[in-house]
Amino acid sequence: MHALIVIDVQNDFCPGGALAVAEGDAIVAGINTLMAEADCVVLTQDWHPAGHSSFASTHAGKQPFDTTEMPYGTQVLWPDHCIQGSIGARFHMQLEKDRAQMIVRKGFRADVDSYSAFFENDKTTATGLHGYLQERGITKLTLVGLATDFCVAYSALDGARLGYDVTVETALCRAIDLNGSLAAANAQMREAGVTLA
């Protein structure tokens, strides 16, 4: 069985959003086509409380895209984005979200960020997705969405580590590409056995 994991296709990551990824909206039609063909569709949704620890605004003297040290490692500080219940946190209007069989909300714990669909950034706090996929008998994953070099890559690496056959459809992803982060993420994914299609 095969699942399509659609990562964070939300207003704040699309043009005009608080943490816009260039051409983030250009992938929506292609994702809708893939969703219509998939055995299982899972959407992830960044879902931060106001004042989240990953927001630059919660750290005196810090600007978006600065870094800080958290108990779980180095954290990029972001503009305030995908705040629970906000328009920015909603899925892109044209995304056919009714095709989803599960929605995984992540980043809702105020003290730890969450890029991966499987684990918070502490790499131990699970989202519950792995258990769901196991119950469904899923062994193959295709990942699409935003952004390639953060939430998609972290999800792909965790999926491979958990034993799934993982493919990232790069044409249906877009990257932030912060200081070479896209090349680094692609190299890590290839090394982990992820297929970049």
N, C-alpha and C. Protein backbone atom coordinates (compact mmCIF):
# COMPACT_ATOMS: atom_id res chain seq x y z
N MET A 1 0.85 -1.20 0.00
CA MET A 1 0.00 0.00 0.00
C MET A 1 0.88 1.25 0.00
N HIS A 2 0.34 2.27 -0.61
CA HIS A 2 1.09 3.48 -0.90
C HIS A 2 0.33 4.69 -0.37
N ALA A 3 1.03 5.60 0.28
CA ALA A 3 0.40 6.83 0.78
C ALA A 3 1.06 8.06 0.18
N LEU A 4 0.24 9.04 -0.10
CA LEU A 4 0.71 10.36 -0.51
C LEU A 4 0.66 11.26 0.71
N ILE A 5 1.82 11.82 1.09
CA ILE A 5 1.90 12.74 2.23
C ILE A 5 2.08 14.15 1.68
N VAL A 6 1.10 14.99 1.91
CA VAL A 6 1.10 16.37 1.39
C VAL A 6 1.50 17.29 2.55
N ILE A 7 2.68 17.90 2.42
CA ILE A 7 3.28 18.65 3.52
C ILE A 7 2.94 20.14 3.45
N ASP A 8 2.18 20.62 4.41
CA ASP A 8 2.06 22.05 4.74
C ASP A 8 1.71 22.96 3.55
N VAL A 9 0.74 22.57 2.74
CA VAL A 9 0.31 23.46 1.64
C VAL A 9 -0.71 24.43 2.22
N GLN A 10 -0.17 25.42 2.93
CA GLN A 10 -0.96 26.37 3.72
C GLN A 10 -0.73 27.79 3.24
N ASN A 11 -1.68 28.66 3.53
CA ASN A 11 -1.61 30.04 3.03
C ASN A 11 -0.33 30.76 3.42
N ASP A 12 0.15 30.57 4.64
CA ASP A 12 1.34 31.31 5.07
C ASP A 12 2.61 30.89 4.34
N PHE A 13 2.60 29.70 3.70
CA PHE A 13 3.76 29.25 2.94
C PHE A 13 3.61 29.53 1.44
N CYS A 14 2.51 30.16 1.05
CA CYS A 14 2.26 30.50 -0.35
C CYS A 14 2.45 32.01 -0.55
N PRO A 15 2.62 32.46 -1.80
CA PRO A 15 2.83 33.89 -2.05
C PRO A 15 1.80 34.75 -1.32
N GLY A 16 2.30 35.78 -0.64
CA GLY A 16 1.45 36.65 0.15
C GLY A 16 1.37 36.25 1.61
N GLY A 17 1.88 35.04 1.94
CA GLY A 17 1.84 34.55 3.30
C GLY A 17 3.00 35.05 4.15
N ALA A 18 2.93 34.77 5.44
CA ALA A 18 3.91 35.27 6.40
C ALA A 18 5.30 34.65 6.21
N LEU A 19 5.36 33.44 5.66
CA LEU A 19 6.63 32.75 5.42
C LEU A 19 6.55 32.14 4.02
N ALA A 20 6.34 33.03 3.04
CA ALA A 20 6.04 32.60 1.67
C ALA A 20 7.23 31.89 1.03
N VAL A 21 6.93 30.77 0.38
CA VAL A 21 7.90 30.04 -0.42
C VAL A 21 7.62 30.42 -1.87
N ALA A 22 8.65 30.82 -2.61
CA ALA A 22 8.45 31.24 -4.00
C ALA A 22 7.74 30.14 -4.78
N GLU A 23 6.68 30.53 -5.48
CA GLU A 23 5.87 29.60 -6.30
C GLU A 23 5.21 28.50 -5.47
N GLY A 24 5.02 28.74 -4.18
CA GLY A 24 4.41 27.72 -3.33
C GLY A 24 3.04 27.29 -3.79
N ASP A 25 2.33 28.20 -4.47
CA ASP A 25 0.98 27.88 -4.95
C ASP A 25 0.98 27.17 -6.30
N ALA A 26 2.13 27.16 -6.98
CA ALA A 26 2.21 26.58 -8.33
C ALA A 26 2.10 25.06 -8.34
N ILE A 27 2.25 24.44 -7.16
CA ILE A 27 2.24 22.98 -7.08
C ILE A 27 0.86 22.40 -6.76
N VAL A 28 -0.11 23.27 -6.46
CA VAL A 28 -1.38 22.79 -5.94
C VAL A 28 -2.13 21.92 -6.95
N ALA A 29 -2.22 22.34 -8.20
CA ALA A 29 -2.97 21.57 -9.20
C ALA A 29 -2.38 20.18 -9.38
N GLY A 30 -1.06 20.09 -9.45
CA GLY A 30 -0.40 18.80 -9.60
C GLY A 30 -0.62 17.89 -8.40
N ILE A 31 -0.63 18.48 -7.21
CA ILE A 31 -0.89 17.70 -5.99
C ILE A 31 -2.33 17.17 -6.01
N ASN A 32 -3.27 18.00 -6.44
CA ASN A 32 -4.66 17.55 -6.53
C ASN A 32 -4.79 16.33 -7.44
N THR A 33 -4.06 16.35 -8.56
CA THR A 33 -4.08 15.21 -9.50
C THR A 33 -3.55 13.94 -8.82
N LEU A 34 -2.44 14.06 -8.09
CA LEU A 34 -1.87 12.90 -7.39
C LEU A 34 -2.81 12.40 -6.30
N MET A 35 -3.46 13.31 -5.59
CA MET A 35 -4.37 12.90 -4.52
C MET A 35 -5.51 12.05 -5.06
N ALA A 36 -5.97 12.36 -6.26
CA ALA A 36 -7.09 11.62 -6.86
C ALA A 36 -6.70 10.17 -7.17
N GLU A 37 -5.39 9.90 -7.28
CA GLU A 37 -4.91 8.57 -7.66
C GLU A 37 -4.38 7.75 -6.48
N ALA A 38 -4.25 8.36 -5.31
CA ALA A 38 -3.54 7.71 -4.19
C ALA A 38 -4.46 6.78 -3.39
N ASP A 39 -3.88 5.68 -2.87
CA ASP A 39 -4.60 4.77 -1.97
C ASP A 39 -4.97 5.47 -0.67
N CYS A 40 -4.03 6.28 -0.18
CA CYS A 40 -4.17 6.93 1.12
C CYS A 40 -3.58 8.33 0.99
N VAL A 41 -4.28 9.33 1.48
CA VAL A 41 -3.80 10.72 1.43
C VAL A 41 -3.75 11.26 2.86
N VAL A 42 -2.59 11.76 3.23
CA VAL A 42 -2.39 12.41 4.53
C VAL A 42 -1.93 13.84 4.28
N LEU A 43 -2.56 14.80 4.93
CA LEU A 43 -2.11 16.19 4.88
C LEU A 43 -1.46 16.53 6.21
N THR A 44 -0.36 17.29 6.15
CA THR A 44 0.17 17.86 7.39
C THR A 44 -0.13 19.35 7.41
N GLN A 45 -0.26 19.85 8.65
CA GLN A 45 -0.64 21.25 8.85
C GLN A 45 0.17 21.82 10.00
N ASP A 46 1.00 22.82 9.69
CA ASP A 46 1.72 23.55 10.73
C ASP A 46 0.66 24.26 11.58
N TRP A 47 0.79 24.17 12.92
CA TRP A 47 -0.33 24.60 13.77
C TRP A 47 0.24 25.15 15.07
N HIS A 48 0.79 26.37 14.99
CA HIS A 48 1.51 26.94 16.12
C HIS A 48 0.62 27.78 17.03
N PRO A 49 0.81 27.67 18.34
CA PRO A 49 0.18 28.65 19.23
C PRO A 49 0.88 30.01 19.05
N ALA A 50 0.17 31.08 19.36
CA ALA A 50 0.79 32.41 19.35
C ALA A 50 1.97 32.40 20.33
N GLY A 51 3.05 33.11 19.99
CA GLY A 51 4.21 33.16 20.87
C GLY A 51 5.05 31.90 20.86
N HIS A 52 4.95 31.11 19.79
CA HIS A 52 5.72 29.85 19.71
C HIS A 52 7.22 30.12 19.82
N SER A 53 7.93 29.18 20.43
CA SER A 53 9.37 29.36 20.69
C SER A 53 10.21 29.43 19.41
N SER A 54 9.65 29.02 18.27
CA SER A 54 10.40 29.10 17.01
C SER A 54 10.22 30.44 16.31
N PHE A 55 9.41 31.33 16.88
CA PHE A 55 9.18 32.64 16.27
C PHE A 55 10.25 33.63 16.74
N ALA A 56 10.84 34.34 15.79
CA ALA A 56 11.84 35.35 16.14
C ALA A 56 11.27 36.37 17.12
N SER A 57 9.98 36.65 17.00
CA SER A 57 9.34 37.67 17.85
C SER A 57 9.34 37.31 19.33
N THR A 58 9.58 36.04 19.66
CA THR A 58 9.60 35.63 21.07
C THR A 58 11.00 35.68 21.67
N HIS A 59 12.00 36.09 20.88
CA HIS A 59 13.39 36.14 21.34
C HIS A 59 13.91 37.57 21.18
N ALA A 60 14.18 38.24 22.30
CA ALA A 60 14.63 39.63 22.27
C ALA A 60 15.89 39.78 21.41
N GLY A 61 15.87 40.77 20.53
CA GLY A 61 17.04 41.08 19.71
C GLY A 61 17.26 40.16 18.52
N LYS A 62 16.35 39.21 18.30
CA LYS A 62 16.51 38.27 17.18
C LYS A 62 15.61 38.67 16.01
N GLN A 63 16.09 38.37 14.81
CA GLN A 63 15.35 38.64 13.58
C GLN A 63 14.96 37.31 12.92
N PRO A 64 13.91 37.32 12.09
CA PRO A 64 13.60 36.11 11.33
C PRO A 64 14.84 35.61 10.56
N PHE A 65 15.02 34.30 10.60
CA PHE A 65 16.10 33.56 9.95
C PHE A 65 17.42 33.59 10.73
N ASP A 66 17.45 34.29 11.88
CA ASP A 66 18.55 34.08 12.83
C ASP A 66 18.37 32.67 13.41
N THR A 67 19.37 32.22 14.15
CA THR A 67 19.23 30.93 14.83
C THR A 67 19.42 31.13 16.34
N THR A 68 18.95 30.15 17.08
CA THR A 68 19.16 30.13 18.53
C THR A 68 19.32 28.67 18.94
N GLU A 69 19.87 28.47 20.13
CA GLU A 69 20.03 27.10 20.64
C GLU A 69 18.83 26.74 21.52
N MET A 70 18.23 25.61 21.22
CA MET A 70 17.13 25.06 22.01
C MET A 70 17.65 23.79 22.69
N PRO A 71 16.93 23.25 23.66
CA PRO A 71 17.38 22.00 24.30
C PRO A 71 17.62 20.86 23.31
N TYR A 72 16.92 20.93 22.15
CA TYR A 72 17.03 19.86 21.15
C TYR A 72 18.00 20.21 20.02
N GLY A 73 18.68 21.36 20.10
CA GLY A 73 19.66 21.72 19.06
C GLY A 73 19.42 23.12 18.51
N THR A 74 20.07 23.39 17.38
CA THR A 74 19.98 24.70 16.75
C THR A 74 18.62 24.86 16.07
N GLN A 75 17.98 25.99 16.31
CA GLN A 75 16.65 26.27 15.77
C GLN A 75 16.71 27.53 14.92
N VAL A 76 16.27 27.44 13.66
CA VAL A 76 16.05 28.65 12.85
C VAL A 76 14.84 29.36 13.43
N LEU A 77 14.95 30.68 13.54
CA LEU A 77 13.82 31.48 14.04
C LEU A 77 13.05 32.05 12.85
N TRP A 78 11.75 31.87 12.88
CA TRP A 78 10.91 32.20 11.74
C TRP A 78 10.04 33.41 12.02
N PRO A 79 9.53 34.06 10.97
CA PRO A 79 8.45 35.03 11.19
C PRO A 79 7.25 34.29 11.81
N ASP A 80 6.42 34.99 12.56
CA ASP A 80 5.20 34.38 13.10
C ASP A 80 4.39 33.84 11.92
N HIS A 81 4.02 32.55 11.99
CA HIS A 81 3.31 31.94 10.85
C HIS A 81 2.44 30.78 11.33
N CYS A 82 1.44 30.46 10.53
CA CYS A 82 0.55 29.30 10.77
C CYS A 82 0.07 29.24 12.21
N ILE A 83 -0.41 30.39 12.69
CA ILE A 83 -0.94 30.46 14.06
C ILE A 83 -2.33 29.82 14.08
N GLN A 84 -2.54 28.97 15.07
CA GLN A 84 -3.77 28.17 15.18
C GLN A 84 -5.01 29.01 14.93
N GLY A 85 -5.84 28.55 14.00
CA GLY A 85 -7.10 29.22 13.71
C GLY A 85 -7.01 30.41 12.78
N SER A 86 -5.79 30.78 12.37
CA SER A 86 -5.63 31.97 11.51
C SER A 86 -5.86 31.61 10.04
N ILE A 87 -6.08 32.63 9.24
CA ILE A 87 -6.21 32.43 7.79
C ILE A 87 -4.91 31.86 7.23
N GLY A 88 -3.78 32.32 7.76
CA GLY A 88 -2.48 31.83 7.29
C GLY A 88 -2.28 30.35 7.53
N ALA A 89 -2.91 29.81 8.58
CA ALA A 89 -2.76 28.39 8.90
C ALA A 89 -3.67 27.50 8.06
N ARG A 90 -4.63 28.09 7.38
CA ARG A 90 -5.56 27.29 6.57
C ARG A 90 -4.83 26.71 5.36
N PHE A 91 -5.35 25.57 4.89
CA PHE A 91 -4.84 25.00 3.65
C PHE A 91 -5.14 25.95 2.49
N HIS A 92 -4.27 25.91 1.47
CA HIS A 92 -4.50 26.73 0.27
C HIS A 92 -5.91 26.46 -0.25
N MET A 93 -6.58 27.51 -0.64
CA MET A 93 -7.99 27.43 -1.02
C MET A 93 -8.25 26.40 -2.14
N GLN A 94 -7.30 26.25 -3.06
CA GLN A 94 -7.52 25.35 -4.20
C GLN A 94 -7.09 23.91 -3.91
N LEU A 95 -6.46 23.67 -2.76
CA LEU A 95 -6.07 22.31 -2.41
C LEU A 95 -7.33 21.49 -2.11
N GLU A 96 -7.47 20.33 -2.75
CA GLU A 96 -8.67 19.51 -2.56
C GLU A 96 -8.54 18.70 -1.26
N LYS A 97 -8.61 19.42 -0.16
CA LYS A 97 -8.34 18.83 1.16
C LYS A 97 -9.35 17.77 1.57
N ASP A 98 -10.53 17.76 0.94
CA ASP A 98 -11.53 16.74 1.27
C ASP A 98 -11.09 15.34 0.87
N ARG A 99 -10.05 15.24 0.04
CA ARG A 99 -9.51 13.92 -0.34
C ARG A 99 -8.67 13.30 0.78
N ALA A 100 -8.30 14.10 1.77
CA ALA A 100 -7.44 13.59 2.85
C ALA A 100 -8.18 12.60 3.73
N GLN A 101 -7.49 11.53 4.10
CA GLN A 101 -8.04 10.56 5.04
C GLN A 101 -7.54 10.84 6.46
N MET A 102 -6.44 11.60 6.56
CA MET A 102 -5.93 12.00 7.87
C MET A 102 -5.25 13.35 7.73
N ILE A 103 -5.40 14.18 8.75
CA ILE A 103 -4.68 15.46 8.84
C ILE A 103 -3.84 15.41 10.10
N VAL A 104 -2.53 15.61 9.93
CA VAL A 104 -1.60 15.63 11.07
C VAL A 104 -1.24 17.08 11.35
N ARG A 105 -1.61 17.55 12.54
CA ARG A 105 -1.22 18.90 12.94
C ARG A 105 0.07 18.82 13.74
N LYS A 106 1.01 19.71 13.44
CA LYS A 106 2.32 19.65 14.08
C LYS A 106 2.78 21.05 14.48
N GLY A 107 3.69 21.09 15.45
CA GLY A 107 4.18 22.38 15.93
C GLY A 107 3.26 23.04 16.94
N PHE A 108 2.33 22.26 17.51
CA PHE A 108 1.38 22.86 18.46
C PHE A 108 1.92 22.91 19.88
N ARG A 109 3.07 22.23 20.15
CA ARG A 109 3.71 22.34 21.47
C ARG A 109 4.56 23.61 21.47
N ALA A 110 4.33 24.49 22.41
CA ALA A 110 4.92 25.83 22.38
C ALA A 110 6.44 25.83 22.47
N ASP A 111 7.02 24.78 23.05
CA ASP A 111 8.46 24.81 23.35
C ASP A 111 9.32 24.00 22.39
N VAL A 112 8.70 23.40 21.35
CA VAL A 112 9.50 22.63 20.39
C VAL A 112 8.88 22.78 19.01
N ASP A 113 9.74 23.04 18.00
CA ASP A 113 9.24 23.17 16.64
C ASP A 113 9.06 21.78 16.05
N SER A 114 8.39 21.71 14.93
CA SER A 114 8.09 20.41 14.33
C SER A 114 8.10 20.55 12.81
N TYR A 115 9.17 20.07 12.18
CA TYR A 115 9.24 20.08 10.72
C TYR A 115 8.68 18.78 10.15
N SER A 116 9.06 17.67 10.75
CA SER A 116 8.72 16.36 10.21
C SER A 116 7.25 15.99 10.46
N ALA A 117 6.69 15.24 9.52
CA ALA A 117 5.35 14.69 9.70
C ALA A 117 5.33 13.59 10.77
N PHE A 118 6.51 13.07 11.12
CA PHE A 118 6.60 11.93 12.04
C PHE A 118 7.01 12.30 13.47
N PHE A 119 7.91 13.28 13.62
CA PHE A 119 8.44 13.63 14.94
C PHE A 119 8.60 15.13 15.09
N GLU A 120 8.48 15.60 16.33
CA GLU A 120 8.86 16.98 16.63
C GLU A 120 10.38 17.11 16.43
N ASN A 121 10.89 18.33 16.47
CA ASN A 121 12.32 18.55 16.22
C ASN A 121 13.23 17.96 17.30
N ASP A 122 12.65 17.52 18.43
CA ASP A 122 13.47 16.82 19.42
C ASP A 122 13.78 15.38 18.98
N LYS A 123 13.16 14.97 17.86
CA LYS A 123 13.37 13.66 17.23
C LYS A 123 12.85 12.48 18.05
N THR A 124 12.13 12.75 19.13
CA THR A 124 11.58 11.66 19.94
C THR A 124 10.06 11.77 20.13
N THR A 125 9.52 12.98 20.17
CA THR A 125 8.08 13.15 20.37
C THR A 125 7.35 12.87 19.06
N ALA A 126 6.58 11.77 19.03
CA ALA A 126 5.93 11.31 17.80
C ALA A 126 4.63 12.05 17.54
N THR A 127 4.29 12.19 16.26
CA THR A 127 3.02 12.81 15.86
C THR A 127 1.88 11.80 15.80
N GLY A 128 2.21 10.51 15.74
CA GLY A 128 1.19 9.47 15.58
C GLY A 128 1.04 8.99 14.14
N LEU A 129 1.71 9.65 13.19
CA LEU A 129 1.56 9.27 11.79
C LEU A 129 2.09 7.85 11.53
N HIS A 130 3.22 7.51 12.12
CA HIS A 130 3.82 6.19 11.87
C HIS A 130 2.85 5.08 12.27
N GLY A 131 2.23 5.21 13.43
CA GLY A 131 1.27 4.21 13.88
C GLY A 131 0.08 4.08 12.93
N TYR A 132 -0.40 5.22 12.46
CA TYR A 132 -1.51 5.22 11.51
C TYR A 132 -1.14 4.48 10.23
N LEU A 133 0.03 4.80 9.68
CA LEU A 133 0.46 4.17 8.43
C LEU A 133 0.66 2.67 8.61
N GLN A 134 1.22 2.28 9.76
CA GLN A 134 1.40 0.86 10.03
C GLN A 134 0.05 0.13 10.09
N GLU A 135 -0.91 0.73 10.78
CA GLU A 135 -2.24 0.14 10.88
C GLU A 135 -2.88 -0.03 9.50
N ARG A 136 -2.58 0.89 8.60
CA ARG A 136 -3.14 0.85 7.25
C ARG A 136 -2.35 -0.08 6.32
N GLY A 137 -1.21 -0.60 6.77
CA GLY A 137 -0.40 -1.47 5.92
C GLY A 137 0.39 -0.73 4.85
N ILE A 138 0.67 0.54 5.10
CA ILE A 138 1.41 1.37 4.13
C ILE A 138 2.90 1.06 4.23
N THR A 139 3.54 0.85 3.08
CA THR A 139 4.98 0.62 3.04
C THR A 139 5.71 1.63 2.15
N LYS A 140 4.98 2.26 1.24
CA LYS A 140 5.58 3.22 0.30
C LYS A 140 4.98 4.60 0.52
N LEU A 141 5.82 5.62 0.50
CA LEU A 141 5.38 7.00 0.68
C LEU A 141 5.85 7.85 -0.48
N THR A 142 4.98 8.72 -0.95
CA THR A 142 5.38 9.80 -1.85
C THR A 142 5.11 11.10 -1.13
N LEU A 143 6.12 11.97 -1.09
CA LEU A 143 5.99 13.25 -0.40
C LEU A 143 6.00 14.39 -1.40
N VAL A 144 5.12 15.36 -1.15
CA VAL A 144 5.04 16.59 -1.94
C VAL A 144 4.77 17.73 -0.96
N GLY A 145 5.01 18.97 -1.39
CA GLY A 145 4.60 20.10 -0.57
C GLY A 145 5.69 21.09 -0.27
N LEU A 146 5.55 21.74 0.92
CA LEU A 146 6.37 22.89 1.28
C LEU A 146 6.96 22.71 2.68
N ALA A 147 8.16 23.08 2.84
CA ALA A 147 9.16 23.44 1.85
C ALA A 147 10.14 22.26 1.74
N THR A 148 10.66 22.08 0.53
CA THR A 148 11.51 20.93 0.23
C THR A 148 12.62 20.74 1.26
N ASP A 149 13.28 21.85 1.61
CA ASP A 149 14.51 21.78 2.40
C ASP A 149 14.28 21.76 3.90
N PHE A 150 13.03 21.87 4.33
CA PHE A 150 12.73 21.80 5.77
C PHE A 150 11.70 20.69 6.03
N CYS A 151 10.43 20.99 5.97
CA CYS A 151 9.43 20.01 6.41
C CYS A 151 9.35 18.79 5.50
N VAL A 152 9.53 18.96 4.19
CA VAL A 152 9.52 17.79 3.30
C VAL A 152 10.73 16.92 3.57
N ALA A 153 11.91 17.53 3.63
CA ALA A 153 13.14 16.75 3.83
C ALA A 153 13.15 16.04 5.18
N TYR A 154 12.77 16.74 6.24
CA TYR A 154 12.73 16.10 7.56
C TYR A 154 11.76 14.92 7.56
N SER A 155 10.62 15.08 6.91
CA SER A 155 9.64 14.00 6.83
C SER A 155 10.18 12.82 6.04
N ALA A 156 10.85 13.11 4.92
CA ALA A 156 11.42 12.05 4.08
C ALA A 156 12.50 11.28 4.82
N LEU A 157 13.37 12.00 5.53
CA LEU A 157 14.46 11.36 6.28
C LEU A 157 13.90 10.48 7.40
N ASP A 158 12.90 10.98 8.11
CA ASP A 158 12.28 10.17 9.17
C ASP A 158 11.56 8.96 8.59
N GLY A 159 10.87 9.16 7.46
CA GLY A 159 10.18 8.05 6.82
C GLY A 159 11.16 6.94 6.41
N ALA A 160 12.29 7.34 5.84
CA ALA A 160 13.31 6.35 5.44
C ALA A 160 13.88 5.64 6.67
N ARG A 161 14.12 6.40 7.73
CA ARG A 161 14.68 5.83 8.97
C ARG A 161 13.70 4.82 9.60
N LEU A 162 12.41 5.06 9.41
CA LEU A 162 11.38 4.17 9.95
C LEU A 162 11.12 2.96 9.04
N GLY A 163 11.80 2.92 7.89
CA GLY A 163 11.72 1.74 7.03
C GLY A 163 10.79 1.83 5.84
N TYR A 164 10.23 3.02 5.57
CA TYR A 164 9.39 3.18 4.40
C TYR A 164 10.24 3.36 3.13
N ASP A 165 9.67 2.98 2.01
CA ASP A 165 10.23 3.27 0.69
C ASP A 165 9.73 4.67 0.33
N VAL A 166 10.62 5.65 0.35
CA VAL A 166 10.21 7.06 0.26
C VAL A 166 10.66 7.69 -1.06
N THR A 167 9.72 8.34 -1.72
CA THR A 167 10.00 9.14 -2.92
C THR A 167 9.54 10.57 -2.66
N VAL A 168 10.37 11.54 -3.04
CA VAL A 168 9.97 12.95 -3.02
C VAL A 168 9.79 13.39 -4.47
N GLU A 169 8.58 13.80 -4.80
CA GLU A 169 8.29 14.33 -6.14
C GLU A 169 8.72 15.80 -6.16
N THR A 170 9.94 16.04 -6.61
CA THR A 170 10.52 17.39 -6.48
C THR A 170 9.77 18.43 -7.31
N ALA A 171 9.12 18.02 -8.40
CA ALA A 171 8.37 18.98 -9.21
C ALA A 171 7.15 19.51 -8.46
N LEU A 172 6.72 18.77 -7.43
CA LEU A 172 5.55 19.19 -6.65
C LEU A 172 5.96 19.64 -5.24
N CYS A 173 7.18 20.17 -5.16
CA CYS A 173 7.70 20.78 -3.93
C CYS A 173 8.31 22.12 -4.31
N ARG A 174 8.45 22.99 -3.34
CA ARG A 174 9.20 24.24 -3.52
C ARG A 174 10.02 24.46 -2.25
N ALA A 175 11.17 25.13 -2.39
CA ALA A 175 12.12 25.27 -1.29
C ALA A 175 12.24 26.72 -0.82
N ILE A 176 12.65 26.86 0.44
CA ILE A 176 13.02 28.18 0.98
C ILE A 176 14.44 28.51 0.50
N ASP A 177 15.32 27.51 0.54
CA ASP A 177 16.74 27.61 0.15
C ASP A 177 17.46 28.72 0.91
N LEU A 178 17.60 28.48 2.21
CA LEU A 178 18.23 29.40 3.14
C LEU A 178 19.71 29.01 3.28
N ASN A 179 20.60 29.83 2.75
CA ASN A 179 22.05 29.57 2.87
C ASN A 179 22.46 28.17 2.42
N GLY A 180 21.93 27.77 1.26
CA GLY A 180 22.32 26.47 0.71
C GLY A 180 21.57 25.30 1.29
N SER A 181 20.46 25.56 1.96
CA SER A 181 19.73 24.48 2.65
C SER A 181 19.13 23.47 1.68
N LEU A 182 18.80 23.88 0.46
CA LEU A 182 18.20 22.94 -0.49
C LEU A 182 19.22 21.89 -0.93
N ALA A 183 20.41 22.31 -1.32
CA ALA A 183 21.45 21.36 -1.75
C ALA A 183 21.80 20.41 -0.61
N ALA A 184 21.89 20.95 0.61
CA ALA A 184 22.22 20.11 1.77
C ALA A 184 21.12 19.09 2.03
N ALA A 185 19.87 19.52 1.94
CA ALA A 185 18.75 18.61 2.18
C ALA A 185 18.69 17.51 1.11
N ASN A 186 18.90 17.90 -0.16
CA ASN A 186 18.88 16.90 -1.24
C ASN A 186 19.97 15.86 -1.04
N ALA A 187 21.16 16.31 -0.64
CA ALA A 187 22.27 15.38 -0.40
C ALA A 187 21.94 14.42 0.75
N GLN A 188 21.37 14.96 1.82
CA GLN A 188 21.00 14.11 2.97
C GLN A 188 19.94 13.08 2.57
N MET A 189 18.97 13.52 1.78
CA MET A 189 17.90 12.60 1.38
C MET A 189 18.45 11.48 0.50
N ARG A 190 19.29 11.83 -0.46
CA ARG A 190 19.89 10.80 -1.33
C ARG A 190 20.70 9.80 -0.50
N GLU A 191 21.47 10.32 0.43
CA GLU A 191 22.32 9.47 1.27
C GLU A 191 21.47 8.50 2.11
N ALA A 192 20.27 8.94 2.48
CA ALA A 192 19.37 8.11 3.31
C ALA A 192 18.56 7.12 2.47
N GLY A 193 18.74 7.16 1.14
CA GLY A 193 18.02 6.23 0.28
C GLY A 193 16.69 6.72 -0.22
N VAL A 194 16.42 8.01 -0.04
CA VAL A 194 15.18 8.61 -0.54
C VAL A 194 15.33 8.84 -2.04
N THR A 195 14.31 8.47 -2.81
CA THR A 195 14.31 8.72 -4.26
C THR A 195 13.82 10.13 -4.52
N LEU A 196 14.63 10.92 -5.23
CA LEU A 196 14.20 12.26 -5.63
C LEU A 196 13.75 12.17 -7.08
N ALA A 197 12.45 12.20 -7.29
CA ALA A 197 11.88 11.96 -8.63
C ALA A 197 11.71 13.27 -9.39
